[in-house]
PDB file of N, CA and C in Angstrom:
ATOM      1  N   UNK A   1       7.380  56.436   4.913  1.00  0.00           N
ATOM      2  CA  UNK A   1       6.848  55.402   4.025  1.00  0.00           C
ATOM      3  C   UNK A   1       5.503  55.858   3.531  1.00  0.00           C
ATOM      4  N   UNK A   2       5.278  55.660   2.266  1.00  0.00           N
ATOM      5  CA  UNK A   2       4.005  56.014   1.637  1.00  0.00           C
ATOM      6  C   UNK A   2       3.053  54.827   1.763  1.00  0.00           C
ATOM      7  N   UNK A   3       1.982  55.020   2.524  1.00  0.00           N
ATOM      8  CA  UNK A   3       1.015  53.944   2.689  1.00  0.00           C
ATOM      9  C   UNK A   3      -0.167  54.130   1.741  1.00  0.00           C
ATOM     10  N   UNK A   4       0.155  54.087   0.465  1.00  0.00           N
ATOM     11  CA  UNK A   4      -0.887  54.229  -0.523  1.00  0.00           C
ATOM     12  C   UNK A   4      -1.505  52.882  -0.832  1.00  0.00           C
ATOM     13  N   UNK A   5      -2.810  52.849  -0.927  1.00  0.00           N
ATOM     14  CA  UNK A   5      -3.504  51.595  -1.272  1.00  0.00           C
ATOM     15  C   UNK A   5      -3.177  51.278  -2.715  1.00  0.00           C
ATOM     16  N   UNK A   6      -3.077  49.996  -3.016  1.00  0.00           N
ATOM     17  CA  UNK A   6      -2.846  49.604  -4.397  1.00  0.00           C
ATOM     18  C   UNK A   6      -3.736  48.432  -4.771  1.00  0.00           C
ATOM     19  N   UNK A   7      -4.000  48.340  -6.020  1.00  0.00           N
ATOM     20  CA  UNK A   7      -4.761  47.216  -6.558  1.00  0.00           C
ATOM     21  C   UNK A   7      -4.112  46.800  -7.880  1.00  0.00           C
ATOM     22  N   UNK A   8      -4.656  45.825  -8.538  1.00  0.00           N
ATOM     23  CA  UNK A   8      -4.052  45.304  -9.751  1.00  0.00           C
ATOM     24  C   UNK A   8      -3.923  46.361 -10.864  1.00  0.00           C
ATOM     25  N   UNK A   9      -4.790  47.330 -10.873  1.00  0.00           N
ATOM     26  CA  UNK A   9      -4.778  48.341 -11.935  1.00  0.00           C
ATOM     27  C   UNK A   9      -3.881  49.524 -11.616  1.00  0.00           C
ATOM     28  N   UNK A  10      -3.522  49.693 -10.373  1.00  0.00           N
ATOM     29  CA  UNK A  10      -2.807  50.903  -9.989  1.00  0.00           C
ATOM     30  C   UNK A  10      -1.667  50.566  -9.023  1.00  0.00           C
ATOM     31  N   UNK A  11      -0.636  49.942  -9.532  1.00  0.00           N
ATOM     32  CA  UNK A  11       0.516  49.582  -8.704  1.00  0.00           C
ATOM     33  C   UNK A  11       1.729  50.339  -9.205  1.00  0.00           C
ATOM     34  N   UNK A  12       2.181  51.272  -8.399  1.00  0.00           N
ATOM     35  CA  UNK A  12       3.395  51.991  -8.718  1.00  0.00           C
ATOM     36  C   UNK A  12       4.579  51.182  -8.183  1.00  0.00           C
ATOM     37  N   UNK A  13       5.681  51.208  -8.899  1.00  0.00           N
ATOM     38  CA  UNK A  13       6.860  50.445  -8.501  1.00  0.00           C
ATOM     39  C   UNK A  13       7.300  50.825  -7.092  1.00  0.00           C
ATOM     40  N   UNK A  14       7.311  52.092  -6.779  1.00  0.00           N
ATOM     41  CA  UNK A  14       7.731  52.564  -5.451  1.00  0.00           C
ATOM     42  C   UNK A  14       6.870  51.952  -4.370  1.00  0.00           C
ATOM     43  N   UNK A  15       5.540  51.969  -4.591  1.00  0.00           N
ATOM     44  CA  UNK A  15       4.618  51.428  -3.595  1.00  0.00           C
ATOM     45  C   UNK A  15       4.824  49.931  -3.403  1.00  0.00           C
ATOM     46  N   UNK A  16       5.039  49.232  -4.484  1.00  0.00           N
ATOM     47  CA  UNK A  16       5.270  47.800  -4.405  1.00  0.00           C
ATOM     48  C   UNK A  16       6.550  47.505  -3.613  1.00  0.00           C
ATOM     49  N   UNK A  17       7.601  48.256  -3.870  1.00  0.00           N
ATOM     50  CA  UNK A  17       8.853  48.095  -3.144  1.00  0.00           C
ATOM     51  C   UNK A  17       8.671  48.402  -1.675  1.00  0.00           C
ATOM     52  N   UNK A  18       7.971  49.461  -1.364  1.00  0.00           N
ATOM     53  CA  UNK A  18       7.716  49.816   0.054  1.00  0.00           C
ATOM     54  C   UNK A  18       6.905  48.728   0.748  1.00  0.00           C
ATOM     55  N   UNK A  19       5.917  48.185   0.046  1.00  0.00           N
ATOM     56  CA  UNK A  19       5.135  47.075   0.651  1.00  0.00           C
ATOM     57  C   UNK A  19       6.028  45.871   0.905  1.00  0.00           C
ATOM     58  N   UNK A  20       6.879  45.540  -0.068  1.00  0.00           N
ATOM     59  CA  UNK A  20       7.788  44.386   0.090  1.00  0.00           C
ATOM     60  C   UNK A  20       8.704  44.603   1.287  1.00  0.00           C
ATOM     61  N   UNK A  21       9.212  45.790   1.451  1.00  0.00           N
ATOM     62  CA  UNK A  21      10.079  46.088   2.606  1.00  0.00           C
ATOM     63  C   UNK A  21       9.297  45.893   3.920  1.00  0.00           C
ATOM     64  N   UNK A  22       8.067  46.394   3.965  1.00  0.00           N
ATOM     65  CA  UNK A  22       7.270  46.257   5.179  1.00  0.00           C
ATOM     66  C   UNK A  22       6.957  44.789   5.448  1.00  0.00           C
ATOM     67  N   UNK A  23       6.661  44.033   4.430  1.00  0.00           N
ATOM     68  CA  UNK A  23       6.380  42.607   4.577  1.00  0.00           C
ATOM     69  C   UNK A  23       7.609  41.843   5.080  1.00  0.00           C
ATOM     70  N   UNK A  24       8.744  42.080   4.472  1.00  0.00           N
ATOM     71  CA  UNK A  24       9.992  41.413   4.891  1.00  0.00           C
ATOM     72  C   UNK A  24      10.338  41.762   6.338  1.00  0.00           C
ATOM     73  N   UNK A  25      10.098  43.011   6.708  1.00  0.00           N
ATOM     74  CA  UNK A  25      10.420  43.457   8.058  1.00  0.00           C
ATOM     75  C   UNK A  25       9.584  42.749   9.125  1.00  0.00           C
ATOM     76  N   UNK A  26       8.456  42.135   8.724  1.00  0.00           N
ATOM     77  CA  UNK A  26       7.660  41.378   9.712  1.00  0.00           C
ATOM     78  C   UNK A  26       8.402  40.185  10.254  1.00  0.00           C
ATOM     79  N   UNK A  27       9.286  39.585   9.452  1.00  0.00           N
ATOM     80  CA  UNK A  27       9.970  38.360   9.861  1.00  0.00           C
ATOM     81  C   UNK A  27       9.148  37.144   9.489  1.00  0.00           C
ATOM     82  N   UNK A  28       9.821  36.017   9.380  1.00  0.00           N
ATOM     83  CA  UNK A  28       9.167  34.825   8.851  1.00  0.00           C
ATOM     84  C   UNK A  28       8.064  34.290   9.774  1.00  0.00           C
ATOM     85  N   UNK A  29       8.212  34.386  11.069  1.00  0.00           N
ATOM     86  CA  UNK A  29       7.155  33.891  11.966  1.00  0.00           C
ATOM     87  C   UNK A  29       5.855  34.691  11.820  1.00  0.00           C
ATOM     88  N   UNK A  30       5.963  35.998  11.750  1.00  0.00           N
ATOM     89  CA  UNK A  30       4.774  36.844  11.586  1.00  0.00           C
ATOM     90  C   UNK A  30       4.208  36.668  10.191  1.00  0.00           C
ATOM     91  N   UNK A  31       5.062  36.512   9.184  1.00  0.00           N
ATOM     92  CA  UNK A  31       4.587  36.262   7.818  1.00  0.00           C
ATOM     93  C   UNK A  31       3.734  34.986   7.755  1.00  0.00           C
ATOM     94  N   UNK A  32       4.202  33.937   8.485  1.00  0.00           N
ATOM     95  CA  UNK A  32       3.412  32.685   8.516  1.00  0.00           C
ATOM     96  C   UNK A  32       2.061  32.932   9.157  1.00  0.00           C
ATOM     97  N   UNK A  33       2.005  33.757  10.168  1.00  0.00           N
ATOM     98  CA  UNK A  33       0.739  34.029  10.837  1.00  0.00           C
ATOM     99  C   UNK A  33      -0.150  34.908   9.929  1.00  0.00           C
ATOM    100  N   UNK A  34       0.448  35.778   9.150  1.00  0.00           N
ATOM    101  CA  UNK A  34      -0.332  36.521   8.169  1.00  0.00           C
ATOM    102  C   UNK A  34      -0.952  35.544   7.168  1.00  0.00           C
ATOM    103  N   UNK A  35      -0.167  34.581   6.696  1.00  0.00           N
ATOM    104  CA  UNK A  35      -0.695  33.549   5.780  1.00  0.00           C
ATOM    105  C   UNK A  35      -1.885  32.836   6.408  1.00  0.00           C
ATOM    106  N   UNK A  36      -1.785  32.549   7.702  1.00  0.00           N
ATOM    107  CA  UNK A  36      -2.880  31.851   8.404  1.00  0.00           C
ATOM    108  C   UNK A  36      -4.137  32.678   8.444  1.00  0.00           C
ATOM    109  N   UNK A  37      -4.012  33.956   8.805  1.00  0.00           N
ATOM    110  CA  UNK A  37      -5.234  34.767   8.863  1.00  0.00           C
ATOM    111  C   UNK A  37      -5.764  35.077   7.469  1.00  0.00           C
ATOM    112  N   UNK A  38      -4.878  35.164   6.495  1.00  0.00           N
ATOM    113  CA  UNK A  38      -5.322  35.429   5.111  1.00  0.00           C
ATOM    114  C   UNK A  38      -6.102  34.226   4.575  1.00  0.00           C
ATOM    115  N   UNK A  39      -5.806  33.027   5.064  1.00  0.00           N
ATOM    116  CA  UNK A  39      -6.524  31.839   4.577  1.00  0.00           C
ATOM    117  C   UNK A  39      -7.982  31.880   5.008  1.00  0.00           C
ATOM    118  N   UNK A  40      -8.252  32.573   6.112  1.00  0.00           N
ATOM    119  CA  UNK A  40      -9.613  32.662   6.596  1.00  0.00           C
ATOM    120  C   UNK A  40     -10.110  31.415   7.285  1.00  0.00           C
ATOM    121  N   UNK A  41      -9.238  30.451   7.476  1.00  0.00           N
ATOM    122  CA  UNK A  41      -9.622  29.183   8.115  1.00  0.00           C
ATOM    123  C   UNK A  41      -9.580  29.343   9.634  1.00  0.00           C
ATOM    124  N   UNK A  42     -10.724  29.601  10.215  1.00  0.00           N
ATOM    125  CA  UNK A  42     -10.816  29.913  11.644  1.00  0.00           C
ATOM    126  C   UNK A  42     -10.290  28.771  12.510  1.00  0.00           C
ATOM    127  N   UNK A  43     -10.350  27.534  12.041  1.00  0.00           N
ATOM    128  CA  UNK A  43      -9.862  26.414  12.837  1.00  0.00           C
ATOM    129  C   UNK A  43      -8.354  26.525  13.062  1.00  0.00           C
ATOM    130  N   UNK A  44      -7.629  27.271  12.237  1.00  0.00           N
ATOM    131  CA  UNK A  44      -6.188  27.471  12.403  1.00  0.00           C
ATOM    132  C   UNK A  44      -5.871  28.657  13.300  1.00  0.00           C
ATOM    133  N   UNK A  45      -6.850  29.509  13.574  1.00  0.00           N
ATOM    134  CA  UNK A  45      -6.595  30.739  14.347  1.00  0.00           C
ATOM    135  C   UNK A  45      -6.133  30.453  15.769  1.00  0.00           C
ATOM    136  N   UNK A  46      -6.787  29.511  16.443  1.00  0.00           N
ATOM    137  CA  UNK A  46      -6.506  29.290  17.869  1.00  0.00           C
ATOM    138  C   UNK A  46      -5.082  28.860  18.123  1.00  0.00           C
ATOM    139  N   UNK A  47      -4.596  27.915  17.348  1.00  0.00           N
ATOM    140  CA  UNK A  47      -3.231  27.383  17.593  1.00  0.00           C
ATOM    141  C   UNK A  47      -2.185  28.043  16.737  1.00  0.00           C
ATOM    142  N   UNK A  48      -2.603  28.746  15.659  1.00  0.00           N
ATOM    143  CA  UNK A  48      -1.634  29.221  14.713  1.00  0.00           C
ATOM    144  C   UNK A  48      -1.395  30.705  14.683  1.00  0.00           C
ATOM    145  N   UNK A  49      -2.101  31.469  15.545  1.00  0.00           N
ATOM    146  CA  UNK A  49      -1.987  32.936  15.463  1.00  0.00           C
ATOM    147  C   UNK A  49      -1.707  33.509  16.825  1.00  0.00           C
ATOM    148  N   UNK A  50      -0.665  34.291  16.916  1.00  0.00           N
ATOM    149  CA  UNK A  50      -0.324  35.025  18.130  1.00  0.00           C
ATOM    150  C   UNK A  50      -0.969  36.419  17.996  1.00  0.00           C
ATOM    151  N   UNK A  51      -1.814  36.785  18.932  1.00  0.00           N
ATOM    152  CA  UNK A  51      -2.444  38.119  18.851  1.00  0.00           C
ATOM    153  C   UNK A  51      -1.452  39.281  18.728  1.00  0.00           C
ATOM    154  N   UNK A  52      -0.267  39.131  19.305  1.00  0.00           N
ATOM    155  CA  UNK A  52       0.749  40.183  19.171  1.00  0.00           C
ATOM    156  C   UNK A  52       1.223  40.284  17.727  1.00  0.00           C
ATOM    157  N   UNK A  53       1.264  39.165  17.020  1.00  0.00           N
ATOM    158  CA  UNK A  53       1.657  39.187  15.609  1.00  0.00           C
ATOM    159  C   UNK A  53       0.609  39.932  14.805  1.00  0.00           C
ATOM    160  N   UNK A  54      -0.646  39.747  15.133  1.00  0.00           N
ATOM    161  CA  UNK A  54      -1.716  40.448  14.424  1.00  0.00           C
ATOM    162  C   UNK A  54      -1.599  41.951  14.651  1.00  0.00           C
ATOM    163  N   UNK A  55      -1.247  42.358  15.882  1.00  0.00           N
ATOM    164  CA  UNK A  55      -1.019  43.767  16.140  1.00  0.00           C
ATOM    165  C   UNK A  55       0.076  44.318  15.245  1.00  0.00           C
ATOM    166  N   UNK A  56       1.170  43.566  15.091  1.00  0.00           N
ATOM    167  CA  UNK A  56       2.288  44.015  14.275  1.00  0.00           C
ATOM    168  C   UNK A  56       1.880  44.068  12.799  1.00  0.00           C
ATOM    169  N   UNK A  57       1.140  43.068  12.330  1.00  0.00           N
ATOM    170  CA  UNK A  57       0.653  43.042  10.969  1.00  0.00           C
ATOM    171  C   UNK A  57      -0.214  44.273  10.711  1.00  0.00           C
ATOM    172  N   UNK A  58      -1.089  44.561  11.639  1.00  0.00           N
ATOM    173  CA  UNK A  58      -1.967  45.724  11.462  1.00  0.00           C
ATOM    174  C   UNK A  58      -1.182  47.023  11.465  1.00  0.00           C
ATOM    175  N   UNK A  59      -0.192  47.126  12.370  1.00  0.00           N
ATOM    176  CA  UNK A  59       0.619  48.324  12.459  1.00  0.00           C
ATOM    177  C   UNK A  59       1.419  48.576  11.178  1.00  0.00           C
ATOM    178  N   UNK A  60       1.991  47.520  10.612  1.00  0.00           N
ATOM    179  CA  UNK A  60       2.893  47.701   9.488  1.00  0.00           C
ATOM    180  C   UNK A  60       2.222  47.598   8.126  1.00  0.00           C
ATOM    181  N   UNK A  61       1.121  46.842   8.025  1.00  0.00           N
ATOM    182  CA  UNK A  61       0.550  46.574   6.705  1.00  0.00           C
ATOM    183  C   UNK A  61      -0.865  47.113   6.525  1.00  0.00           C
ATOM    184  N   UNK A  62      -1.436  47.713   7.580  1.00  0.00           N
ATOM    185  CA  UNK A  62      -2.798  48.217   7.413  1.00  0.00           C
ATOM    186  C   UNK A  62      -2.847  49.243   6.312  1.00  0.00           C
ATOM    187  N   UNK A  63      -3.920  49.280   5.607  1.00  0.00           N
ATOM    188  CA  UNK A  63      -4.193  50.225   4.543  1.00  0.00           C
ATOM    189  C   UNK A  63      -3.424  49.947   3.256  1.00  0.00           C
ATOM    190  N   UNK A  64      -2.661  48.872   3.189  1.00  0.00           N
ATOM    191  CA  UNK A  64      -1.984  48.531   1.934  1.00  0.00           C
ATOM    192  C   UNK A  64      -2.942  47.867   0.976  1.00  0.00           C
ATOM    193  N   UNK A  65      -3.813  47.002   1.491  1.00  0.00           N
ATOM    194  CA  UNK A  65      -4.707  46.256   0.598  1.00  0.00           C
ATOM    195  C   UNK A  65      -5.927  45.843   1.395  1.00  0.00           C
ATOM    196  N   UNK A  66      -7.059  45.920   0.794  1.00  0.00           N
ATOM    197  CA  UNK A  66      -8.331  45.578   1.448  1.00  0.00           C
ATOM    198  C   UNK A  66      -8.317  44.152   1.992  1.00  0.00           C
ATOM    199  N   UNK A  67      -7.750  43.209   1.280  1.00  0.00           N
ATOM    200  CA  UNK A  67      -7.748  41.816   1.716  1.00  0.00           C
ATOM    201  C   UNK A  67      -6.977  41.643   3.025  1.00  0.00           C
ATOM    202  N   UNK A  68      -5.884  42.354   3.206  1.00  0.00           N
ATOM    203  CA  UNK A  68      -5.126  42.275   4.455  1.00  0.00           C
ATOM    204  C   UNK A  68      -5.971  42.889   5.590  1.00  0.00           C
ATOM    205  N   UNK A  69      -6.540  44.063   5.316  1.00  0.00           N
ATOM    206  CA  UNK A  69      -7.364  44.726   6.332  1.00  0.00           C
ATOM    207  C   UNK A  69      -8.546  43.845   6.731  1.00  0.00           C
ATOM    208  N   UNK A  70      -9.192  43.215   5.737  1.00  0.00           N
ATOM    209  CA  UNK A  70     -10.342  42.337   5.991  1.00  0.00           C
ATOM    210  C   UNK A  70      -9.925  41.116   6.780  1.00  0.00           C
ATOM    211  N   UNK A  71      -8.751  40.552   6.509  1.00  0.00           N
ATOM    212  CA  UNK A  71      -8.281  39.370   7.239  1.00  0.00           C
ATOM    213  C   UNK A  71      -7.991  39.719   8.700  1.00  0.00           C
ATOM    214  N   UNK A  72      -7.375  40.860   8.916  1.00  0.00           N
ATOM    215  CA  UNK A  72      -7.112  41.297  10.296  1.00  0.00           C
ATOM    216  C   UNK A  72      -8.424  41.490  11.033  1.00  0.00           C
ATOM    217  N   UNK A  73      -9.383  42.140  10.397  1.00  0.00           N
ATOM    218  CA  UNK A  73     -10.684  42.362  11.031  1.00  0.00           C
ATOM    219  C   UNK A  73     -11.395  41.033  11.294  1.00  0.00           C
ATOM    220  N   UNK A  74     -11.326  40.085  10.357  1.00  0.00           N
ATOM    221  CA  UNK A  74     -11.927  38.783  10.561  1.00  0.00           C
ATOM    222  C   UNK A  74     -11.295  38.069  11.755  1.00  0.00           C
ATOM    223  N   UNK A  75      -9.991  38.155  11.905  1.00  0.00           N
ATOM    224  CA  UNK A  75      -9.337  37.555  13.066  1.00  0.00           C
ATOM    225  C   UNK A  75      -9.803  38.243  14.324  1.00  0.00           C
ATOM    226  N   UNK A  76      -9.853  39.542  14.354  1.00  0.00           N
ATOM    227  CA  UNK A  76     -10.271  40.268  15.546  1.00  0.00           C
ATOM    228  C   UNK A  76     -11.696  39.934  15.931  1.00  0.00           C
ATOM    229  N   UNK A  77     -12.571  39.773  14.945  1.00  0.00           N
ATOM    230  CA  UNK A  77     -13.950  39.364  15.191  1.00  0.00           C
ATOM    231  C   UNK A  77     -13.995  37.981  15.808  1.00  0.00           C
ATOM    232  N   UNK A  78     -13.220  37.058  15.218  1.00  0.00           N
ATOM    233  CA  UNK A  78     -13.149  35.702  15.739  1.00  0.00           C
ATOM    234  C   UNK A  78     -12.584  35.699  17.165  1.00  0.00           C
ATOM    235  N   UNK A  79     -11.539  36.469  17.418  1.00  0.00           N
ATOM    236  CA  UNK A  79     -10.926  36.526  18.744  1.00  0.00           C
ATOM    237  C   UNK A  79     -11.906  37.041  19.795  1.00  0.00           C
ATOM    238  N   UNK A  80     -12.668  38.069  19.418  1.00  0.00           N
ATOM    239  CA  UNK A  80     -13.665  38.613  20.352  1.00  0.00           C
ATOM    240  C   UNK A  80     -14.743  37.563  20.635  1.00  0.00           C
ATOM    241  N   UNK A  81     -15.214  36.917  19.592  1.00  0.00           N
ATOM    242  CA  UNK A  81     -16.266  35.909  19.730  1.00  0.00           C
ATOM    243  C   UNK A  81     -15.800  34.740  20.590  1.00  0.00           C
ATOM    244  N   UNK A  82     -14.506  34.415  20.533  1.00  0.00           N
ATOM    245  CA  UNK A  82     -13.962  33.276  21.267  1.00  0.00           C
ATOM    246  C   UNK A  82     -13.201  33.706  22.533  1.00  0.00           C
ATOM    247  N   UNK A  83     -13.364  34.976  22.872  1.00  0.00           N
ATOM    248  CA  UNK A  83     -12.794  35.529  24.103  1.00  0.00           C
ATOM    249  C   UNK A  83     -11.285  35.287  24.180  1.00  0.00           C
ATOM    250  N   UNK A  84     -10.620  35.518  23.080  1.00  0.00           N
ATOM    251  CA  UNK A  84      -9.171  35.419  23.043  1.00  0.00           C
ATOM    252  C   UNK A  84      -8.620  36.748  23.493  1.00  0.00           C
ATOM    253  N   UNK A  85      -7.676  36.713  24.400  1.00  0.00           N
ATOM    254  CA  UNK A  85      -7.076  37.974  24.894  1.00  0.00           C
ATOM    255  C   UNK A  85      -6.164  38.537  23.814  1.00  0.00           C
ATOM    256  N   UNK A  86      -6.499  39.735  23.342  1.00  0.00           N
ATOM    257  CA  UNK A  86      -5.666  40.372  22.301  1.00  0.00           C
ATOM    258  C   UNK A  86      -5.053  41.644  22.822  1.00  0.00           C
TER     259      UNK A  86
END
């Protein structure tokens, strides 16, 4: 799989298809948790995010887009601050 970063100005069809495959492979439960961390609403993190799902998101989607990477890092920072076992 080609893990090329993409943005609005530089999206190759192949990269978009590969990202879509990686996203679908997460499954609906992990996709919902990705939505939660992407929202940035920390009040939803405690009850709405499984740390194992974040690991999977990071493994499969890291380096695809800065916003995903930033959301994962924001969750990890929150988890550390709140002593959540990850």
